N, C-alpha and C. Protein backbone atom coordinates (compact mmCIF):
# COMPACT_ATOMS: atom_id res chain seq x y z
N MET A 1 0.73 -29.00 -13.50
CA MET A 1 1.28 -28.36 -14.67
C MET A 1 2.84 -28.66 -14.54
N ASP A 2 3.34 -29.11 -15.63
CA ASP A 2 4.98 -29.26 -15.67
C ASP A 2 5.42 -28.40 -16.62
N SER A 3 6.45 -27.47 -16.06
CA SER A 3 7.11 -26.74 -17.11
C SER A 3 8.30 -27.48 -17.85
N ARG A 4 8.18 -27.68 -19.09
CA ARG A 4 9.13 -28.56 -19.86
C ARG A 4 10.34 -27.80 -20.40
N PHE A 5 9.85 -26.62 -21.11
CA PHE A 5 10.94 -25.83 -21.78
C PHE A 5 10.82 -24.33 -21.62
N GLY A 6 11.91 -23.65 -21.39
CA GLY A 6 11.80 -22.24 -21.63
C GLY A 6 12.54 -21.96 -22.96
N GLY A 7 12.04 -20.89 -23.55
CA GLY A 7 12.60 -20.65 -24.89
C GLY A 7 12.46 -19.18 -25.49
N ILE A 8 12.83 -18.95 -26.71
CA ILE A 8 12.65 -17.74 -27.38
C ILE A 8 11.73 -18.13 -28.51
N LEU A 9 10.61 -17.21 -28.60
CA LEU A 9 9.68 -17.41 -29.66
C LEU A 9 9.68 -16.20 -30.67
N GLN A 10 9.89 -16.66 -31.91
CA GLN A 10 9.96 -15.68 -32.91
C GLN A 10 8.71 -15.22 -33.30
N ILE A 11 8.46 -13.81 -33.38
CA ILE A 11 7.17 -13.22 -33.71
C ILE A 11 7.39 -12.59 -35.00
N LYS A 12 6.45 -12.85 -35.97
CA LYS A 12 6.42 -12.25 -37.44
C LYS A 12 5.11 -11.80 -37.71
N ASN A 13 4.91 -10.64 -38.11
CA ASN A 13 3.61 -10.08 -38.53
C ASN A 13 2.57 -10.22 -37.38
N ARG A 14 3.22 -9.87 -36.16
CA ARG A 14 2.49 -9.89 -34.88
C ARG A 14 1.80 -11.30 -34.66
N LYS A 15 2.39 -12.34 -35.18
CA LYS A 15 1.89 -13.75 -34.89
C LYS A 15 3.12 -14.59 -34.42
N PRO A 16 2.99 -15.66 -33.53
CA PRO A 16 3.99 -16.50 -33.40
C PRO A 16 4.38 -17.47 -34.52
N LEU A 17 5.62 -17.42 -34.66
CA LEU A 17 6.18 -18.20 -35.88
C LEU A 17 6.84 -19.54 -35.33
N ARG A 18 7.70 -19.49 -34.57
CA ARG A 18 8.37 -20.70 -34.12
C ARG A 18 9.35 -20.49 -32.92
N PHE A 19 9.65 -21.48 -32.31
CA PHE A 19 10.63 -21.47 -31.22
C PHE A 19 12.05 -21.33 -31.92
N VAL A 20 12.91 -20.54 -31.54
CA VAL A 20 14.18 -20.30 -32.17
C VAL A 20 15.31 -21.09 -31.25
N GLU A 21 14.90 -20.89 -30.02
CA GLU A 21 15.82 -21.55 -29.02
C GLU A 21 15.07 -22.17 -27.83
N LEU A 22 15.54 -23.34 -27.36
CA LEU A 22 14.82 -23.97 -26.32
C LEU A 22 15.73 -24.55 -25.27
N ILE A 23 15.50 -24.49 -24.04
CA ILE A 23 16.33 -25.18 -23.02
C ILE A 23 15.30 -25.98 -22.18
N ARG A 24 15.57 -27.24 -21.99
CA ARG A 24 14.73 -27.96 -21.08
C ARG A 24 14.97 -27.72 -19.63
N TYR A 25 13.94 -27.44 -18.82
CA TYR A 25 14.15 -27.02 -17.47
C TYR A 25 14.93 -28.19 -16.69
N SER A 26 14.59 -29.33 -16.96
CA SER A 26 15.33 -30.46 -16.23
C SER A 26 16.69 -30.59 -16.62
N GLY A 27 17.11 -30.06 -17.73
CA GLY A 27 18.63 -30.00 -18.12
C GLY A 27 19.32 -28.90 -17.69
N SER A 28 18.88 -27.94 -16.91
CA SER A 28 19.62 -26.81 -16.52
C SER A 28 19.49 -26.40 -14.99
N SER A 29 20.35 -26.02 -14.40
CA SER A 29 20.28 -25.66 -13.01
C SER A 29 19.91 -24.04 -12.97
N LEU A 30 19.89 -23.40 -14.05
CA LEU A 30 19.47 -21.97 -14.09
C LEU A 30 18.12 -21.92 -14.75
N ASP A 31 17.36 -20.98 -14.49
CA ASP A 31 16.11 -20.74 -15.27
C ASP A 31 16.47 -20.20 -16.59
N PRO A 32 15.85 -20.96 -17.63
CA PRO A 32 16.12 -20.75 -19.05
C PRO A 32 15.79 -19.29 -19.39
N SER A 33 14.77 -18.61 -18.81
CA SER A 33 14.51 -17.16 -19.10
C SER A 33 15.61 -16.28 -18.61
N GLU A 34 16.18 -16.62 -17.48
CA GLU A 34 17.41 -15.71 -17.08
C GLU A 34 18.54 -15.88 -18.10
N ILE A 35 18.74 -16.99 -18.49
CA ILE A 35 19.86 -17.37 -19.46
C ILE A 35 19.68 -16.50 -20.77
N PHE A 36 18.55 -16.50 -21.32
CA PHE A 36 18.15 -15.69 -22.43
C PHE A 36 18.16 -14.23 -22.31
N ILE A 37 17.65 -13.78 -21.10
CA ILE A 37 17.67 -12.32 -20.88
C ILE A 37 19.16 -11.83 -20.68
N THR A 38 19.96 -12.48 -19.87
CA THR A 38 21.41 -12.06 -19.64
C THR A 38 22.11 -12.19 -20.91
N SER A 39 21.84 -13.08 -21.76
CA SER A 39 22.48 -13.05 -23.04
C SER A 39 22.02 -12.15 -24.09
N ARG A 40 20.99 -11.44 -23.74
CA ARG A 40 20.39 -10.32 -24.68
C ARG A 40 19.90 -10.93 -25.96
N MET A 41 19.28 -12.08 -25.83
CA MET A 41 18.89 -12.79 -26.99
C MET A 41 17.39 -12.48 -27.42
N THR A 42 16.65 -11.47 -26.62
CA THR A 42 15.41 -11.22 -27.06
C THR A 42 15.32 -9.80 -27.56
N SER A 43 14.19 -9.46 -28.23
CA SER A 43 13.87 -8.17 -28.86
C SER A 43 12.41 -7.88 -28.57
N VAL A 44 12.01 -7.85 -27.32
CA VAL A 44 10.56 -7.74 -26.86
C VAL A 44 10.08 -6.39 -27.26
N GLY A 45 10.80 -5.22 -26.96
CA GLY A 45 10.34 -4.02 -27.48
C GLY A 45 10.08 -3.89 -28.95
N ARG A 46 10.98 -4.44 -29.75
CA ARG A 46 10.83 -4.44 -31.21
C ARG A 46 9.58 -5.21 -31.61
N ALA A 47 9.35 -6.29 -30.91
CA ALA A 47 8.14 -7.30 -31.15
C ALA A 47 6.91 -6.39 -30.87
N ALA A 48 6.94 -5.73 -29.82
CA ALA A 48 5.75 -4.79 -29.41
C ALA A 48 5.49 -3.65 -30.41
N ARG A 49 6.64 -3.00 -30.81
CA ARG A 49 6.52 -1.86 -31.62
C ARG A 49 6.22 -2.22 -33.09
N GLU A 50 7.00 -3.17 -33.58
CA GLU A 50 7.06 -3.41 -35.04
C GLU A 50 6.26 -4.77 -35.40
N GLY A 51 5.96 -5.56 -34.45
CA GLY A 51 5.28 -6.86 -34.73
C GLY A 51 6.28 -7.91 -35.25
N GLU A 52 7.55 -7.77 -34.99
CA GLU A 52 8.57 -8.61 -35.50
C GLU A 52 9.62 -8.55 -34.42
N GLY A 53 10.01 -9.84 -33.94
CA GLY A 53 11.14 -9.81 -33.04
C GLY A 53 11.11 -11.17 -32.12
N ARG A 54 11.73 -11.15 -31.08
CA ARG A 54 11.87 -12.48 -30.34
C ARG A 54 11.51 -12.26 -28.75
N ILE A 55 10.62 -13.00 -28.33
CA ILE A 55 10.12 -12.84 -26.93
C ILE A 55 10.46 -14.29 -26.14
N LEU A 56 10.34 -14.03 -24.78
CA LEU A 56 10.40 -15.28 -23.99
C LEU A 56 9.11 -16.11 -24.02
N ALA A 57 9.23 -17.41 -24.03
CA ALA A 57 7.91 -18.18 -24.09
C ALA A 57 8.42 -19.48 -23.25
N ASN A 58 7.27 -20.19 -22.68
CA ASN A 58 7.46 -21.39 -22.08
C ASN A 58 6.61 -22.54 -22.67
N PHE A 59 7.03 -23.65 -22.66
CA PHE A 59 6.17 -24.77 -23.07
C PHE A 59 5.84 -25.63 -21.72
N ARG A 60 4.58 -25.68 -21.40
CA ARG A 60 4.14 -26.32 -20.24
C ARG A 60 3.14 -27.35 -20.58
N GLU A 61 3.07 -28.48 -19.71
CA GLU A 61 2.33 -29.55 -19.92
C GLU A 61 1.37 -29.70 -18.85
N ILE A 62 0.03 -29.93 -19.23
CA ILE A 62 -0.99 -30.32 -18.22
C ILE A 62 -1.59 -31.59 -18.37
N PRO A 63 -2.20 -32.27 -17.32
CA PRO A 63 -2.89 -33.45 -17.63
C PRO A 63 -4.07 -33.22 -18.55
N ALA A 64 -4.39 -34.07 -19.35
CA ALA A 64 -5.43 -34.01 -20.36
C ALA A 64 -6.85 -33.68 -19.59
N GLN A 65 -6.97 -34.33 -18.57
CA GLN A 65 -8.30 -34.21 -17.66
C GLN A 65 -8.42 -32.70 -17.16
N CYS A 66 -7.38 -32.05 -17.11
CA CYS A 66 -7.33 -30.57 -16.74
C CYS A 66 -7.57 -29.50 -17.82
N GLN A 67 -7.76 -30.06 -19.00
CA GLN A 67 -7.71 -29.09 -20.10
C GLN A 67 -9.05 -28.19 -20.08
N PRO A 68 -10.26 -28.78 -19.74
CA PRO A 68 -11.40 -27.90 -19.63
C PRO A 68 -11.27 -26.76 -18.48
N ILE A 69 -10.68 -27.23 -17.48
CA ILE A 69 -10.50 -26.18 -16.33
C ILE A 69 -9.43 -25.08 -16.75
N ALA A 70 -8.32 -25.55 -17.50
CA ALA A 70 -7.21 -24.65 -17.93
C ALA A 70 -7.97 -23.58 -18.97
N GLY A 71 -8.71 -24.12 -19.79
CA GLY A 71 -9.52 -23.26 -20.85
C GLY A 71 -10.24 -22.22 -20.15
N LYS A 72 -11.03 -22.56 -19.12
CA LYS A 72 -11.97 -21.54 -18.44
C LYS A 72 -11.02 -20.56 -17.69
N THR A 73 -9.89 -21.11 -17.15
CA THR A 73 -9.11 -20.19 -16.33
C THR A 73 -8.39 -19.12 -17.43
N ILE A 74 -7.91 -19.52 -18.49
CA ILE A 74 -7.37 -18.59 -19.46
C ILE A 74 -8.44 -17.72 -19.97
N ALA A 75 -9.70 -18.09 -20.19
CA ALA A 75 -10.69 -17.08 -20.62
C ALA A 75 -10.97 -16.17 -19.52
N ALA A 76 -10.98 -16.62 -18.17
CA ALA A 76 -11.20 -15.60 -17.16
C ALA A 76 -10.10 -14.60 -17.06
N LEU A 77 -8.83 -14.97 -17.27
CA LEU A 77 -7.61 -14.08 -17.15
C LEU A 77 -7.73 -13.09 -18.26
N LYS A 78 -8.11 -13.53 -19.56
CA LYS A 78 -8.20 -12.68 -20.65
C LYS A 78 -9.24 -11.60 -20.37
N GLU A 79 -10.36 -11.97 -19.83
CA GLU A 79 -11.43 -11.16 -19.37
C GLU A 79 -10.91 -10.02 -18.48
N ALA A 80 -10.20 -10.44 -17.52
CA ALA A 80 -9.68 -9.56 -16.60
C ALA A 80 -8.56 -8.62 -17.12
N GLY A 81 -8.12 -8.84 -18.33
CA GLY A 81 -7.19 -8.00 -18.93
C GLY A 81 -5.65 -8.65 -18.77
N LEU A 82 -5.65 -9.83 -18.48
CA LEU A 82 -4.29 -10.53 -18.16
C LEU A 82 -3.96 -11.43 -19.18
N GLY A 83 -4.58 -11.20 -20.32
CA GLY A 83 -4.31 -12.27 -21.31
C GLY A 83 -2.90 -12.04 -22.01
N GLY A 84 -2.37 -13.14 -22.49
CA GLY A 84 -1.15 -13.09 -23.23
C GLY A 84 -1.29 -14.00 -24.38
N LEU A 85 -0.22 -14.33 -25.07
CA LEU A 85 -0.05 -15.32 -26.10
C LEU A 85 -0.16 -16.68 -25.36
N ILE A 86 -1.27 -17.40 -25.63
CA ILE A 86 -1.44 -18.72 -25.09
C ILE A 86 -1.89 -19.60 -26.10
N MET A 87 -1.21 -20.66 -26.38
CA MET A 87 -1.73 -21.66 -27.38
C MET A 87 -1.89 -23.03 -26.55
N MET A 88 -2.87 -23.69 -26.92
CA MET A 88 -3.16 -24.93 -26.26
C MET A 88 -3.26 -25.95 -27.26
N GLY A 89 -2.64 -27.07 -27.26
CA GLY A 89 -2.86 -28.17 -28.22
C GLY A 89 -3.91 -29.04 -27.80
N GLU A 90 -4.36 -29.88 -28.77
CA GLU A 90 -5.36 -30.82 -28.59
C GLU A 90 -4.79 -31.95 -27.91
N VAL A 91 -5.53 -32.81 -27.09
CA VAL A 91 -4.98 -33.99 -26.52
C VAL A 91 -4.48 -35.02 -27.65
N SER A 92 -3.23 -35.58 -27.45
CA SER A 92 -2.64 -36.39 -28.32
C SER A 92 -2.53 -35.94 -29.70
N LYS A 93 -2.41 -34.68 -30.02
CA LYS A 93 -2.27 -34.34 -31.34
C LYS A 93 -1.24 -33.08 -31.41
N PRO A 94 -0.33 -33.11 -32.49
CA PRO A 94 0.62 -32.03 -32.45
C PRO A 94 0.07 -30.69 -32.85
N GLY A 95 0.67 -29.54 -32.63
CA GLY A 95 0.23 -28.27 -32.89
C GLY A 95 -0.36 -27.72 -31.79
N GLY A 96 -0.99 -26.50 -31.96
CA GLY A 96 -1.68 -25.77 -30.93
C GLY A 96 -2.65 -24.84 -31.66
N SER A 97 -3.54 -24.34 -30.59
CA SER A 97 -4.56 -23.28 -31.06
C SER A 97 -4.65 -22.34 -30.09
N LYS A 98 -5.03 -21.05 -30.48
CA LYS A 98 -5.19 -19.97 -29.47
C LYS A 98 -6.52 -20.12 -28.67
């Protein structure tokens, strides 16, 4: 797995809308999440309470042949109560699915 970007994801009506900020991991000597937190650019509590706000999110890339294993792992984590917002795109296609 390769971490590509750290960013801020806008939540609207309790659903992910878009990334509003992105920092490429390879382009920064600091962790992007630390930059966003110390800059007070998130509103996680508001997103949890009201369904609207900005949360930290990451864009990670896995090899295509690992997608079935990743899907099973994500399902097992959700079953154990460790699910979060995870979207996985299809191989060689834009966009993502839950």
